[in-house]
Amino acid sequence: MSERRVVLITQRSDRVPGRPEVRDGLEDSWASGLWEAGWVPFPVVNVAAAAVAQFEALRPGLVILSGGNDAPGTGPDSVPARDETESALLSLAARTRTPVLGVCRGAQMLARFAGMRLVPVEGHVRVRHALTGPLARTWRGPAEVASFHHWGVAEDSMPEGWHVLARSEDGAVEAFANRERRSLGVLWHPEREPNHLHAVLESMEAYEP
């Protein structure tokens, strides 16, 4: 990329053991990976109104919903403030046709926003998957991906316009996208692999109309 663009990326929220503190956080590989891919990353605070103000002030070229925490209804690590923040960003992105990349929990939030149903999956935590499908055939990332999720997407709940781009060995949906909405969800962690995030971003841009 000849000119760097702004990307907003959401953060996980964690309570600090032994202290009355809640901290937003982001694995540092996100910042380095996005910078190397030609983006200027800005972490999003988990206050919906402030996140909206960040979006309106920065006019990002991409919104990333990152991993960490549980999506609503999928586990005990729920963070309502983050849910509200990401829902607000998804609405803004849809209205302005800003591309969205959802990663792991972020993909689950993207799926819920689109009206898909989340279903429990087995054998997808602390494992590596070989991918099949259109995304796996065209991209230049690693042959295997790092997986860490208990919930996936029910393929029969995908609305019109959404398509499966990758599956794991057991047939579970690992990536899904909507070209018109400029949205991609991946249920693995590209930030944990060298050059993997760059490959996902390149594939996403190639998929856009």
N, C-alpha and C. Protein backbone atom coordinates (compact mmCIF):
# COMPACT_ATOMS: atom_id res chain seq x y z
N MET A 1 0.84 -1.19 0.00
CA MET A 1 0.00 0.00 0.00
C MET A 1 0.88 1.25 0.00
N SER A 2 0.58 2.18 -0.88
CA SER A 2 1.39 3.39 -0.97
C SER A 2 1.05 4.38 0.14
N GLU A 3 -0.17 4.35 0.62
CA GLU A 3 -0.59 5.27 1.66
C GLU A 3 -1.26 4.49 2.79
N ARG A 4 -0.81 4.74 3.99
CA ARG A 4 -1.36 4.00 5.13
C ARG A 4 -2.77 4.47 5.46
N ARG A 5 -3.63 3.50 5.77
CA ARG A 5 -4.99 3.79 6.15
C ARG A 5 -5.21 3.43 7.61
N VAL A 6 -6.26 3.99 8.18
CA VAL A 6 -6.58 3.78 9.59
C VAL A 6 -7.45 2.54 9.75
N VAL A 7 -7.12 1.72 10.73
CA VAL A 7 -7.97 0.59 11.10
C VAL A 7 -8.31 0.70 12.58
N LEU A 8 -9.59 0.56 12.89
CA LEU A 8 -10.03 0.49 14.28
C LEU A 8 -10.12 -0.97 14.67
N ILE A 9 -9.59 -1.33 15.83
CA ILE A 9 -9.62 -2.71 16.29
C ILE A 9 -10.11 -2.78 17.73
N THR A 10 -11.09 -3.63 17.98
CA THR A 10 -11.67 -3.73 19.31
C THR A 10 -10.75 -4.52 20.25
N GLN A 11 -10.97 -4.34 21.55
CA GLN A 11 -10.11 -4.95 22.56
C GLN A 11 -10.91 -5.86 23.49
N ARG A 12 -10.22 -6.86 24.02
CA ARG A 12 -10.83 -7.69 25.06
C ARG A 12 -10.86 -6.92 26.36
N SER A 13 -11.70 -7.36 27.29
CA SER A 13 -11.83 -6.70 28.58
C SER A 13 -11.65 -7.74 29.67
N ASP A 14 -10.73 -7.49 30.61
CA ASP A 14 -10.40 -8.47 31.65
C ASP A 14 -10.32 -7.82 33.02
N ARG A 15 -10.83 -8.53 34.02
CA ARG A 15 -10.67 -8.10 35.40
C ARG A 15 -9.27 -8.47 35.89
N VAL A 16 -8.66 -7.58 36.65
CA VAL A 16 -7.32 -7.82 37.16
C VAL A 16 -7.43 -8.53 38.51
N PRO A 17 -6.88 -9.75 38.63
CA PRO A 17 -6.97 -10.48 39.90
C PRO A 17 -6.37 -9.69 41.05
N GLY A 18 -7.10 -9.62 42.16
CA GLY A 18 -6.60 -8.96 43.36
C GLY A 18 -6.71 -7.45 43.34
N ARG A 19 -7.27 -6.89 42.26
CA ARG A 19 -7.42 -5.44 42.20
C ARG A 19 -8.81 -5.09 41.68
N PRO A 20 -9.33 -3.97 42.12
CA PRO A 20 -10.65 -3.55 41.64
C PRO A 20 -10.54 -2.86 40.27
N GLU A 21 -9.95 -3.55 39.30
CA GLU A 21 -9.68 -2.96 37.99
C GLU A 21 -10.20 -3.84 36.87
N VAL A 22 -10.66 -3.19 35.83
CA VAL A 22 -10.99 -3.86 34.57
C VAL A 22 -10.14 -3.18 33.49
N ARG A 23 -9.41 -3.97 32.74
CA ARG A 23 -8.51 -3.42 31.73
C ARG A 23 -8.87 -3.91 30.34
N ASP A 24 -8.85 -2.99 29.38
CA ASP A 24 -8.94 -3.37 27.98
C ASP A 24 -7.55 -3.76 27.51
N GLY A 25 -7.48 -4.75 26.63
CA GLY A 25 -6.17 -5.21 26.18
C GLY A 25 -6.21 -5.76 24.77
N LEU A 26 -5.02 -5.81 24.16
CA LEU A 26 -4.87 -6.27 22.79
C LEU A 26 -3.49 -6.89 22.65
N GLU A 27 -3.43 -8.11 22.14
CA GLU A 27 -2.15 -8.76 21.91
C GLU A 27 -1.28 -7.90 21.00
N ASP A 28 -0.01 -7.70 21.37
CA ASP A 28 0.81 -6.74 20.63
C ASP A 28 1.10 -7.16 19.20
N SER A 29 0.91 -8.43 18.88
CA SER A 29 1.11 -8.87 17.49
C SER A 29 0.11 -8.22 16.54
N TRP A 30 -1.03 -7.79 17.08
CA TRP A 30 -1.99 -7.08 16.23
C TRP A 30 -1.38 -5.77 15.73
N ALA A 31 -0.79 -5.01 16.62
CA ALA A 31 -0.23 -3.71 16.24
C ALA A 31 0.90 -3.88 15.22
N SER A 32 1.82 -4.78 15.51
CA SER A 32 2.95 -4.97 14.60
C SER A 32 2.50 -5.54 13.26
N GLY A 33 1.55 -6.51 13.31
CA GLY A 33 1.08 -7.12 12.07
C GLY A 33 0.33 -6.14 11.19
N LEU A 34 -0.51 -5.31 11.79
CA LEU A 34 -1.26 -4.33 11.02
C LEU A 34 -0.34 -3.26 10.44
N TRP A 35 0.63 -2.83 11.23
CA TRP A 35 1.59 -1.83 10.74
C TRP A 35 2.39 -2.38 9.56
N GLU A 36 2.85 -3.61 9.69
CA GLU A 36 3.61 -4.23 8.60
C GLU A 36 2.76 -4.41 7.36
N ALA A 37 1.45 -4.56 7.54
CA ALA A 37 0.54 -4.73 6.41
C ALA A 37 0.12 -3.39 5.80
N GLY A 38 0.60 -2.29 6.35
CA GLY A 38 0.33 -0.98 5.77
C GLY A 38 -0.78 -0.19 6.42
N TRP A 39 -1.21 -0.60 7.63
CA TRP A 39 -2.29 0.09 8.32
C TRP A 39 -1.78 0.83 9.55
N VAL A 40 -2.53 1.86 9.96
CA VAL A 40 -2.28 2.54 11.23
C VAL A 40 -3.35 2.07 12.21
N PRO A 41 -2.99 1.24 13.20
CA PRO A 41 -4.01 0.67 14.10
C PRO A 41 -4.36 1.61 15.25
N PHE A 42 -5.66 1.68 15.54
CA PHE A 42 -6.16 2.43 16.68
C PHE A 42 -7.05 1.50 17.51
N PRO A 43 -6.65 1.17 18.75
CA PRO A 43 -7.51 0.35 19.61
C PRO A 43 -8.79 1.10 19.98
N VAL A 44 -9.88 0.37 20.03
CA VAL A 44 -11.19 0.94 20.36
C VAL A 44 -11.47 0.74 21.85
N VAL A 45 -11.93 1.77 22.52
CA VAL A 45 -12.30 1.66 23.92
C VAL A 45 -13.66 0.97 24.03
N ASN A 46 -13.88 0.27 25.15
CA ASN A 46 -15.14 -0.44 25.35
C ASN A 46 -16.19 0.44 26.02
N VAL A 47 -16.39 1.60 25.43
CA VAL A 47 -17.47 2.52 25.79
C VAL A 47 -18.13 2.88 24.47
N ALA A 48 -19.35 2.44 24.27
CA ALA A 48 -19.96 2.52 22.95
C ALA A 48 -19.97 3.94 22.39
N ALA A 49 -20.36 4.93 23.19
CA ALA A 49 -20.44 6.30 22.70
C ALA A 49 -19.07 6.81 22.29
N ALA A 50 -18.05 6.46 23.08
CA ALA A 50 -16.68 6.88 22.74
C ALA A 50 -16.18 6.17 21.49
N ALA A 51 -16.55 4.89 21.33
CA ALA A 51 -16.15 4.15 20.14
C ALA A 51 -16.78 4.77 18.89
N VAL A 52 -18.03 5.17 18.99
CA VAL A 52 -18.69 5.85 17.88
C VAL A 52 -17.96 7.15 17.54
N ALA A 53 -17.55 7.89 18.57
CA ALA A 53 -16.81 9.12 18.35
C ALA A 53 -15.46 8.84 17.68
N GLN A 54 -14.80 7.74 18.08
CA GLN A 54 -13.56 7.36 17.43
C GLN A 54 -13.79 7.10 15.94
N PHE A 55 -14.83 6.36 15.64
CA PHE A 55 -15.14 6.04 14.25
C PHE A 55 -15.39 7.32 13.45
N GLU A 56 -16.19 8.19 14.00
CA GLU A 56 -16.55 9.41 13.27
C GLU A 56 -15.36 10.34 13.10
N ALA A 57 -14.45 10.36 14.08
CA ALA A 57 -13.28 11.23 13.99
C ALA A 57 -12.22 10.68 13.04
N LEU A 58 -12.05 9.37 13.04
CA LEU A 58 -10.94 8.76 12.29
C LEU A 58 -11.35 8.26 10.91
N ARG A 59 -12.64 8.02 10.67
CA ARG A 59 -13.12 7.52 9.39
C ARG A 59 -12.26 6.37 8.89
N PRO A 60 -12.27 5.24 9.60
CA PRO A 60 -11.34 4.15 9.28
C PRO A 60 -11.65 3.49 7.93
N GLY A 61 -10.62 2.89 7.36
CA GLY A 61 -10.79 2.12 6.15
C GLY A 61 -11.14 0.68 6.44
N LEU A 62 -11.07 0.29 7.71
CA LEU A 62 -11.36 -1.08 8.12
C LEU A 62 -11.68 -1.10 9.61
N VAL A 63 -12.62 -1.96 10.00
CA VAL A 63 -12.91 -2.22 11.40
C VAL A 63 -12.63 -3.70 11.66
N ILE A 64 -11.85 -3.98 12.71
CA ILE A 64 -11.57 -5.37 13.09
C ILE A 64 -12.18 -5.63 14.45
N LEU A 65 -12.98 -6.67 14.54
CA LEU A 65 -13.48 -7.15 15.82
C LEU A 65 -12.57 -8.30 16.23
N SER A 66 -11.80 -8.11 17.28
CA SER A 66 -10.77 -9.07 17.67
C SER A 66 -11.35 -10.20 18.52
N GLY A 67 -10.48 -11.11 18.97
CA GLY A 67 -10.90 -12.25 19.78
C GLY A 67 -10.86 -11.95 21.26
N GLY A 68 -11.02 -13.00 22.06
CA GLY A 68 -11.03 -12.84 23.51
C GLY A 68 -12.43 -12.60 24.04
N ASN A 69 -12.68 -13.01 25.29
CA ASN A 69 -14.01 -12.93 25.92
C ASN A 69 -15.00 -13.84 25.17
N ASP A 70 -16.18 -13.99 25.74
CA ASP A 70 -17.22 -14.81 25.12
C ASP A 70 -18.27 -13.93 24.47
N ALA A 71 -18.72 -14.35 23.31
CA ALA A 71 -19.85 -13.66 22.67
C ALA A 71 -21.10 -13.92 23.51
N PRO A 72 -22.11 -13.06 23.40
CA PRO A 72 -23.33 -13.23 24.21
C PRO A 72 -23.92 -14.63 24.06
N GLY A 73 -24.20 -15.27 25.21
CA GLY A 73 -24.85 -16.56 25.21
C GLY A 73 -23.94 -17.75 24.95
N THR A 74 -22.61 -17.52 24.90
CA THR A 74 -21.70 -18.62 24.58
C THR A 74 -20.77 -19.01 25.73
N GLY A 75 -20.84 -18.34 26.87
CA GLY A 75 -19.95 -18.69 27.97
C GLY A 75 -19.99 -17.68 29.08
N PRO A 76 -19.25 -17.95 30.18
CA PRO A 76 -19.31 -17.09 31.36
C PRO A 76 -18.52 -15.79 31.25
N ASP A 77 -17.58 -15.71 30.29
CA ASP A 77 -16.74 -14.53 30.19
C ASP A 77 -17.43 -13.46 29.35
N SER A 78 -18.59 -13.03 29.82
CA SER A 78 -19.38 -12.05 29.06
C SER A 78 -18.95 -10.63 29.44
N VAL A 79 -18.99 -9.75 28.46
CA VAL A 79 -18.61 -8.35 28.65
C VAL A 79 -19.65 -7.47 27.94
N PRO A 80 -20.73 -7.12 28.64
CA PRO A 80 -21.80 -6.35 27.99
C PRO A 80 -21.32 -5.04 27.37
N ALA A 81 -20.37 -4.36 28.00
CA ALA A 81 -19.88 -3.09 27.44
C ALA A 81 -19.20 -3.32 26.10
N ARG A 82 -18.46 -4.42 25.99
CA ARG A 82 -17.83 -4.73 24.71
C ARG A 82 -18.87 -5.12 23.67
N ASP A 83 -19.86 -5.90 24.09
CA ASP A 83 -20.94 -6.27 23.16
C ASP A 83 -21.59 -5.03 22.58
N GLU A 84 -21.89 -4.06 23.44
CA GLU A 84 -22.54 -2.83 23.00
C GLU A 84 -21.64 -2.05 22.05
N THR A 85 -20.35 -2.00 22.39
CA THR A 85 -19.39 -1.29 21.55
C THR A 85 -19.30 -1.91 20.16
N GLU A 86 -19.16 -3.22 20.11
CA GLU A 86 -19.00 -3.87 18.82
C GLU A 86 -20.30 -3.82 18.00
N SER A 87 -21.43 -3.89 18.66
CA SER A 87 -22.70 -3.76 17.94
C SER A 87 -22.83 -2.38 17.32
N ALA A 88 -22.40 -1.35 18.05
CA ALA A 88 -22.45 0.01 17.52
C ALA A 88 -21.53 0.16 16.32
N LEU A 89 -20.34 -0.43 16.40
CA LEU A 89 -19.39 -0.35 15.28
C LEU A 89 -19.90 -1.10 14.06
N LEU A 90 -20.53 -2.25 14.28
CA LEU A 90 -21.09 -3.01 13.17
C LEU A 90 -22.20 -2.22 12.46
N SER A 91 -23.01 -1.53 13.23
CA SER A 91 -24.06 -0.70 12.64
C SER A 91 -23.46 0.44 11.83
N LEU A 92 -22.45 1.09 12.38
CA LEU A 92 -21.79 2.19 11.67
C LEU A 92 -21.12 1.69 10.39
N ALA A 93 -20.45 0.55 10.49
CA ALA A 93 -19.76 0.01 9.32
C ALA A 93 -20.76 -0.35 8.23
N ALA A 94 -21.90 -0.94 8.61
CA ALA A 94 -22.92 -1.29 7.63
C ALA A 94 -23.48 -0.04 6.94
N ARG A 95 -23.68 1.00 7.72
CA ARG A 95 -24.26 2.23 7.17
C ARG A 95 -23.30 2.95 6.23
N THR A 96 -22.01 2.87 6.52
CA THR A 96 -21.00 3.59 5.73
C THR A 96 -20.27 2.68 4.74
N ARG A 97 -20.64 1.39 4.71
CA ARG A 97 -19.99 0.39 3.85
C ARG A 97 -18.49 0.30 4.14
N THR A 98 -18.15 0.40 5.40
CA THR A 98 -16.77 0.21 5.84
C THR A 98 -16.50 -1.28 5.99
N PRO A 99 -15.41 -1.80 5.42
CA PRO A 99 -15.10 -3.23 5.55
C PRO A 99 -14.94 -3.65 7.01
N VAL A 100 -15.37 -4.88 7.31
CA VAL A 100 -15.27 -5.44 8.66
C VAL A 100 -14.60 -6.80 8.59
N LEU A 101 -13.60 -7.01 9.46
CA LEU A 101 -12.98 -8.32 9.64
C LEU A 101 -13.27 -8.76 11.06
N GLY A 102 -13.95 -9.90 11.21
CA GLY A 102 -14.21 -10.46 12.52
C GLY A 102 -13.31 -11.66 12.76
N VAL A 103 -12.64 -11.69 13.91
CA VAL A 103 -11.69 -12.76 14.23
C VAL A 103 -12.16 -13.50 15.49
N CYS A 104 -12.39 -14.81 15.38
CA CYS A 104 -12.81 -15.67 16.48
C CYS A 104 -14.09 -15.11 17.13
N ARG A 105 -14.02 -14.58 18.34
CA ARG A 105 -15.22 -13.96 18.93
C ARG A 105 -15.77 -12.88 18.00
N GLY A 106 -14.88 -12.13 17.36
CA GLY A 106 -15.31 -11.09 16.43
C GLY A 106 -16.12 -11.65 15.28
N ALA A 107 -15.74 -12.84 14.79
CA ALA A 107 -16.50 -13.50 13.74
C ALA A 107 -17.87 -13.91 14.26
N GLN A 108 -17.92 -14.34 15.51
CA GLN A 108 -19.20 -14.72 16.10
C GLN A 108 -20.12 -13.50 16.24
N MET A 109 -19.55 -12.36 16.62
CA MET A 109 -20.35 -11.14 16.71
C MET A 109 -20.84 -10.70 15.33
N LEU A 110 -19.99 -10.83 14.32
CA LEU A 110 -20.38 -10.52 12.95
C LEU A 110 -21.52 -11.43 12.51
N ALA A 111 -21.41 -12.71 12.83
CA ALA A 111 -22.46 -13.67 12.46
C ALA A 111 -23.78 -13.32 13.13
N ARG A 112 -23.74 -13.02 14.43
CA ARG A 112 -24.96 -12.66 15.17
C ARG A 112 -25.60 -11.41 14.57
N PHE A 113 -24.78 -10.44 14.24
CA PHE A 113 -25.29 -9.18 13.67
C PHE A 113 -26.00 -9.44 12.35
N ALA A 114 -25.50 -10.42 11.58
CA ALA A 114 -26.09 -10.74 10.28
C ALA A 114 -27.30 -11.66 10.40
N GLY A 115 -27.59 -12.12 11.62
CA GLY A 115 -28.76 -12.98 11.83
C GLY A 115 -28.46 -14.46 11.79
N MET A 116 -27.18 -14.83 11.87
CA MET A 116 -26.82 -16.25 11.88
C MET A 116 -26.94 -16.83 13.28
N ARG A 117 -26.97 -18.15 13.35
CA ARG A 117 -27.07 -18.86 14.62
C ARG A 117 -25.71 -19.45 14.98
N LEU A 118 -25.32 -19.30 16.24
CA LEU A 118 -24.08 -19.89 16.72
C LEU A 118 -24.37 -21.26 17.31
N VAL A 119 -23.46 -22.20 17.06
CA VAL A 119 -23.63 -23.57 17.55
C VAL A 119 -22.34 -24.04 18.20
N PRO A 120 -22.42 -24.87 19.24
CA PRO A 120 -21.19 -25.38 19.87
C PRO A 120 -20.46 -26.34 18.92
N VAL A 121 -19.13 -26.29 18.99
CA VAL A 121 -18.28 -27.19 18.20
C VAL A 121 -17.28 -27.86 19.14
N GLU A 122 -16.82 -29.04 18.75
CA GLU A 122 -15.83 -29.76 19.54
C GLU A 122 -14.53 -29.91 18.74
N GLY A 123 -13.43 -29.99 19.46
CA GLY A 123 -12.15 -30.19 18.81
C GLY A 123 -11.59 -28.97 18.12
N HIS A 124 -11.99 -27.77 18.59
CA HIS A 124 -11.51 -26.54 17.96
C HIS A 124 -10.76 -25.64 18.94
N VAL A 125 -10.34 -26.20 20.09
CA VAL A 125 -9.63 -25.42 21.09
C VAL A 125 -8.20 -25.93 21.22
N ARG A 126 -7.25 -24.99 21.11
CA ARG A 126 -5.82 -25.31 21.20
C ARG A 126 -5.41 -26.38 20.17
N VAL A 127 -5.90 -26.21 18.96
CA VAL A 127 -5.54 -27.13 17.88
C VAL A 127 -5.19 -26.31 16.64
N ARG A 128 -4.65 -27.02 15.65
CA ARG A 128 -4.38 -26.40 14.36
C ARG A 128 -5.20 -27.12 13.30
N HIS A 129 -5.79 -26.34 12.39
CA HIS A 129 -6.63 -26.89 11.34
C HIS A 129 -6.01 -26.67 9.97
N ALA A 130 -6.12 -27.67 9.12
CA ALA A 130 -5.87 -27.47 7.69
C ALA A 130 -7.19 -27.00 7.07
N LEU A 131 -7.14 -25.96 6.26
CA LEU A 131 -8.35 -25.39 5.70
C LEU A 131 -8.62 -25.89 4.29
N THR A 132 -9.90 -25.97 3.94
CA THR A 132 -10.32 -26.24 2.57
C THR A 132 -11.31 -25.16 2.16
N GLY A 133 -11.49 -24.97 0.86
CA GLY A 133 -12.45 -23.98 0.39
C GLY A 133 -11.80 -22.89 -0.42
N PRO A 134 -12.61 -21.96 -0.95
CA PRO A 134 -12.09 -20.90 -1.82
C PRO A 134 -10.99 -20.06 -1.21
N LEU A 135 -11.14 -19.67 0.07
CA LEU A 135 -10.12 -18.85 0.70
C LEU A 135 -8.81 -19.61 0.83
N ALA A 136 -8.90 -20.88 1.21
CA ALA A 136 -7.70 -21.70 1.36
C ALA A 136 -6.98 -21.90 0.04
N ARG A 137 -7.71 -21.93 -1.06
CA ARG A 137 -7.09 -22.18 -2.37
C ARG A 137 -6.39 -20.95 -2.93
N THR A 138 -6.84 -19.76 -2.54
CA THR A 138 -6.33 -18.56 -3.19
C THR A 138 -5.35 -17.75 -2.35
N TRP A 139 -5.35 -17.93 -1.06
CA TRP A 139 -4.52 -17.05 -0.24
C TRP A 139 -3.10 -17.57 -0.10
N ARG A 140 -2.24 -16.73 0.47
CA ARG A 140 -0.82 -17.07 0.59
C ARG A 140 -0.40 -17.23 2.04
N GLY A 141 -1.35 -17.57 2.89
CA GLY A 141 -1.03 -17.78 4.30
C GLY A 141 -0.58 -19.20 4.58
N PRO A 142 -0.33 -19.53 5.86
CA PRO A 142 0.10 -20.88 6.24
C PRO A 142 -0.95 -21.93 5.90
N ALA A 143 -0.50 -23.16 5.70
CA ALA A 143 -1.41 -24.25 5.35
C ALA A 143 -2.31 -24.61 6.51
N GLU A 144 -1.86 -24.35 7.75
CA GLU A 144 -2.66 -24.64 8.93
C GLU A 144 -2.87 -23.36 9.73
N VAL A 145 -3.96 -23.33 10.49
CA VAL A 145 -4.29 -22.14 11.25
C VAL A 145 -4.50 -22.49 12.72
N ALA A 146 -4.28 -21.50 13.60
CA ALA A 146 -4.41 -21.69 15.04
C ALA A 146 -5.86 -21.47 15.46
N SER A 147 -6.47 -22.50 16.04
CA SER A 147 -7.89 -22.44 16.39
C SER A 147 -8.07 -22.47 17.91
N PHE A 148 -9.01 -21.64 18.40
CA PHE A 148 -9.30 -21.60 19.83
C PHE A 148 -10.72 -21.07 20.03
N HIS A 149 -11.72 -21.91 19.70
CA HIS A 149 -13.10 -21.47 19.88
C HIS A 149 -14.00 -22.66 20.16
N HIS A 150 -14.98 -22.43 21.04
CA HIS A 150 -15.96 -23.45 21.40
C HIS A 150 -17.25 -23.36 20.59
N TRP A 151 -17.41 -22.24 19.87
CA TRP A 151 -18.64 -22.00 19.14
C TRP A 151 -18.34 -21.66 17.69
N GLY A 152 -19.21 -22.13 16.81
CA GLY A 152 -19.08 -21.84 15.39
C GLY A 152 -20.38 -21.33 14.82
N VAL A 153 -20.46 -21.30 13.49
CA VAL A 153 -21.61 -20.75 12.78
C VAL A 153 -22.39 -21.88 12.13
N ALA A 154 -23.71 -21.86 12.31
CA ALA A 154 -24.59 -22.83 11.65
C ALA A 154 -24.76 -22.42 10.20
N GLU A 155 -24.26 -23.26 9.29
CA GLU A 155 -24.29 -22.90 7.88
C GLU A 155 -25.70 -22.71 7.37
N ASP A 156 -26.66 -23.49 7.88
CA ASP A 156 -28.03 -23.38 7.39
C ASP A 156 -28.74 -22.11 7.86
N SER A 157 -28.06 -21.31 8.71
CA SER A 157 -28.65 -20.06 9.18
C SER A 157 -28.10 -18.85 8.43
N MET A 158 -27.23 -19.07 7.46
CA MET A 158 -26.63 -17.95 6.74
C MET A 158 -27.65 -17.29 5.81
N PRO A 159 -27.85 -15.98 5.95
CA PRO A 159 -28.77 -15.28 5.07
C PRO A 159 -28.22 -15.21 3.64
N GLU A 160 -29.07 -14.83 2.73
CA GLU A 160 -28.66 -14.66 1.34
C GLU A 160 -27.53 -13.63 1.25
N GLY A 161 -26.56 -13.91 0.42
CA GLY A 161 -25.43 -13.01 0.24
C GLY A 161 -24.21 -13.41 1.03
N TRP A 162 -24.36 -14.31 2.00
CA TRP A 162 -23.23 -14.80 2.79
C TRP A 162 -22.77 -16.16 2.26
N HIS A 163 -21.47 -16.35 2.22
CA HIS A 163 -20.92 -17.57 1.65
C HIS A 163 -19.81 -18.13 2.53
N VAL A 164 -19.69 -19.44 2.57
CA VAL A 164 -18.60 -20.11 3.28
C VAL A 164 -17.34 -20.04 2.41
N LEU A 165 -16.27 -19.52 2.99
CA LEU A 165 -15.01 -19.41 2.24
C LEU A 165 -13.97 -20.43 2.70
N ALA A 166 -14.14 -21.01 3.88
CA ALA A 166 -13.18 -22.02 4.35
C ALA A 166 -13.84 -22.91 5.38
N ARG A 167 -13.38 -24.16 5.41
CA ARG A 167 -13.84 -25.14 6.39
C ARG A 167 -12.64 -25.82 7.02
N SER A 168 -12.87 -26.40 8.20
CA SER A 168 -11.85 -27.23 8.84
C SER A 168 -12.05 -28.68 8.37
N GLU A 169 -11.17 -29.57 8.84
CA GLU A 169 -11.22 -30.97 8.40
C GLU A 169 -12.56 -31.65 8.70
N ASP A 170 -13.22 -31.22 9.77
CA ASP A 170 -14.50 -31.85 10.14
C ASP A 170 -15.70 -31.21 9.45
N GLY A 171 -15.45 -30.30 8.53
CA GLY A 171 -16.53 -29.67 7.78
C GLY A 171 -17.11 -28.42 8.40
N ALA A 172 -16.63 -28.06 9.60
CA ALA A 172 -17.16 -26.86 10.27
C ALA A 172 -16.75 -25.60 9.51
N VAL A 173 -17.62 -24.60 9.54
CA VAL A 173 -17.33 -23.32 8.90
C VAL A 173 -16.18 -22.64 9.64
N GLU A 174 -15.14 -22.25 8.91
CA GLU A 174 -14.02 -21.54 9.51
C GLU A 174 -13.88 -20.11 8.99
N ALA A 175 -14.49 -19.83 7.83
CA ALA A 175 -14.50 -18.47 7.30
C ALA A 175 -15.75 -18.26 6.47
N PHE A 176 -16.34 -17.08 6.58
CA PHE A 176 -17.56 -16.74 5.84
C PHE A 176 -17.51 -15.26 5.48
N ALA A 177 -18.18 -14.89 4.42
CA ALA A 177 -18.06 -13.51 3.95
C ALA A 177 -19.28 -13.08 3.17
N ASN A 178 -19.42 -11.77 3.05
CA ASN A 178 -20.45 -11.15 2.23
C ASN A 178 -19.77 -10.07 1.40
N ARG A 179 -19.72 -10.29 0.09
CA ARG A 179 -19.01 -9.37 -0.79
C ARG A 179 -19.65 -7.99 -0.78
N GLU A 180 -20.97 -7.92 -0.84
CA GLU A 180 -21.66 -6.64 -0.89
C GLU A 180 -21.45 -5.85 0.40
N ARG A 181 -21.49 -6.56 1.54
CA ARG A 181 -21.28 -5.88 2.82
C ARG A 181 -19.81 -5.68 3.17
N ARG A 182 -18.92 -6.21 2.35
CA ARG A 182 -17.47 -6.06 2.54
C ARG A 182 -17.05 -6.58 3.92
N SER A 183 -17.60 -7.75 4.26
CA SER A 183 -17.37 -8.32 5.58
C SER A 183 -16.82 -9.74 5.48
N LEU A 184 -15.85 -10.04 6.35
CA LEU A 184 -15.25 -11.38 6.42
C LEU A 184 -15.12 -11.79 7.87
N GLY A 185 -15.53 -13.01 8.18
CA GLY A 185 -15.34 -13.57 9.51
C GLY A 185 -14.44 -14.79 9.43
N VAL A 186 -13.43 -14.86 10.29
CA VAL A 186 -12.56 -16.04 10.36
C VAL A 186 -12.55 -16.53 11.80
N LEU A 187 -12.74 -17.83 11.98
CA LEU A 187 -12.84 -18.37 13.33
C LEU A 187 -11.51 -18.93 13.83
N TRP A 188 -10.43 -18.38 13.32
CA TRP A 188 -9.10 -18.71 13.84
C TRP A 188 -8.38 -17.42 14.18
N HIS A 189 -7.10 -17.50 14.52
CA HIS A 189 -6.35 -16.34 14.99
C HIS A 189 -5.18 -16.02 14.07
N PRO A 190 -5.40 -15.18 13.05
CA PRO A 190 -4.31 -14.85 12.12
C PRO A 190 -3.20 -14.02 12.76
N GLU A 191 -3.52 -13.35 13.87
CA GLU A 191 -2.48 -12.53 14.53
C GLU A 191 -1.42 -13.39 15.21
N ARG A 192 -1.66 -14.68 15.33
CA ARG A 192 -0.72 -15.56 16.02
C ARG A 192 0.25 -16.27 15.08
N GLU A 193 0.22 -15.93 13.80
CA GLU A 193 1.08 -16.59 12.82
C GLU A 193 1.88 -15.53 12.06
N PRO A 194 3.16 -15.74 11.81
CA PRO A 194 3.94 -14.79 11.00
C PRO A 194 3.33 -14.62 9.61
N ASN A 195 3.13 -13.38 9.19
CA ASN A 195 2.62 -13.04 7.86
C ASN A 195 1.19 -13.51 7.60
N HIS A 196 0.57 -14.14 8.59
CA HIS A 196 -0.77 -14.69 8.39
C HIS A 196 -1.82 -13.58 8.30
N LEU A 197 -1.70 -12.59 9.17
CA LEU A 197 -2.65 -11.49 9.16
C LEU A 197 -2.61 -10.75 7.83
N HIS A 198 -1.40 -10.52 7.33
CA HIS A 198 -1.25 -9.84 6.04
C HIS A 198 -1.97 -10.62 4.95
N ALA A 199 -1.85 -11.94 4.98
CA ALA A 199 -2.50 -12.78 3.97
C ALA A 199 -4.01 -12.69 4.05
N VAL A 200 -4.56 -12.67 5.26
CA VAL A 200 -6.01 -12.54 5.43
C VAL A 200 -6.49 -11.18 4.91
N LEU A 201 -5.75 -10.13 5.20
CA LEU A 201 -6.15 -8.80 4.74
C LEU A 201 -6.07 -8.70 3.22
N GLU A 202 -5.06 -9.30 2.63
CA GLU A 202 -4.96 -9.30 1.17
C GLU A 202 -6.13 -10.05 0.55
N SER A 203 -6.48 -11.19 1.13
CA SER A 203 -7.58 -11.98 0.62
C SER A 203 -8.90 -11.23 0.75
N MET A 204 -9.05 -10.52 1.86
CA MET A 204 -10.27 -9.75 2.08
C MET A 204 -10.41 -8.65 1.03
N GLU A 205 -9.34 -7.93 0.75
CA GLU A 205 -9.40 -6.86 -0.24
C GLU A 205 -9.68 -7.41 -1.62
N ALA A 206 -9.14 -8.57 -1.93
CA ALA A 206 -9.38 -9.18 -3.23
C ALA A 206 -10.83 -9.63 -3.38
N TYR A 207 -11.47 -9.94 -2.25
CA TYR A 207 -12.85 -10.43 -2.27
C TYR A 207 -13.86 -9.30 -2.38
N GLU A 208 -13.47 -8.09 -1.98
CA GLU A 208 -14.40 -6.97 -2.01
C GLU A 208 -14.81 -6.64 -3.44
N PRO A 209 -16.04 -6.09 -3.65
CA PRO A 209 -16.49 -5.72 -5.00
C PRO A 209 -15.70 -4.54 -5.56
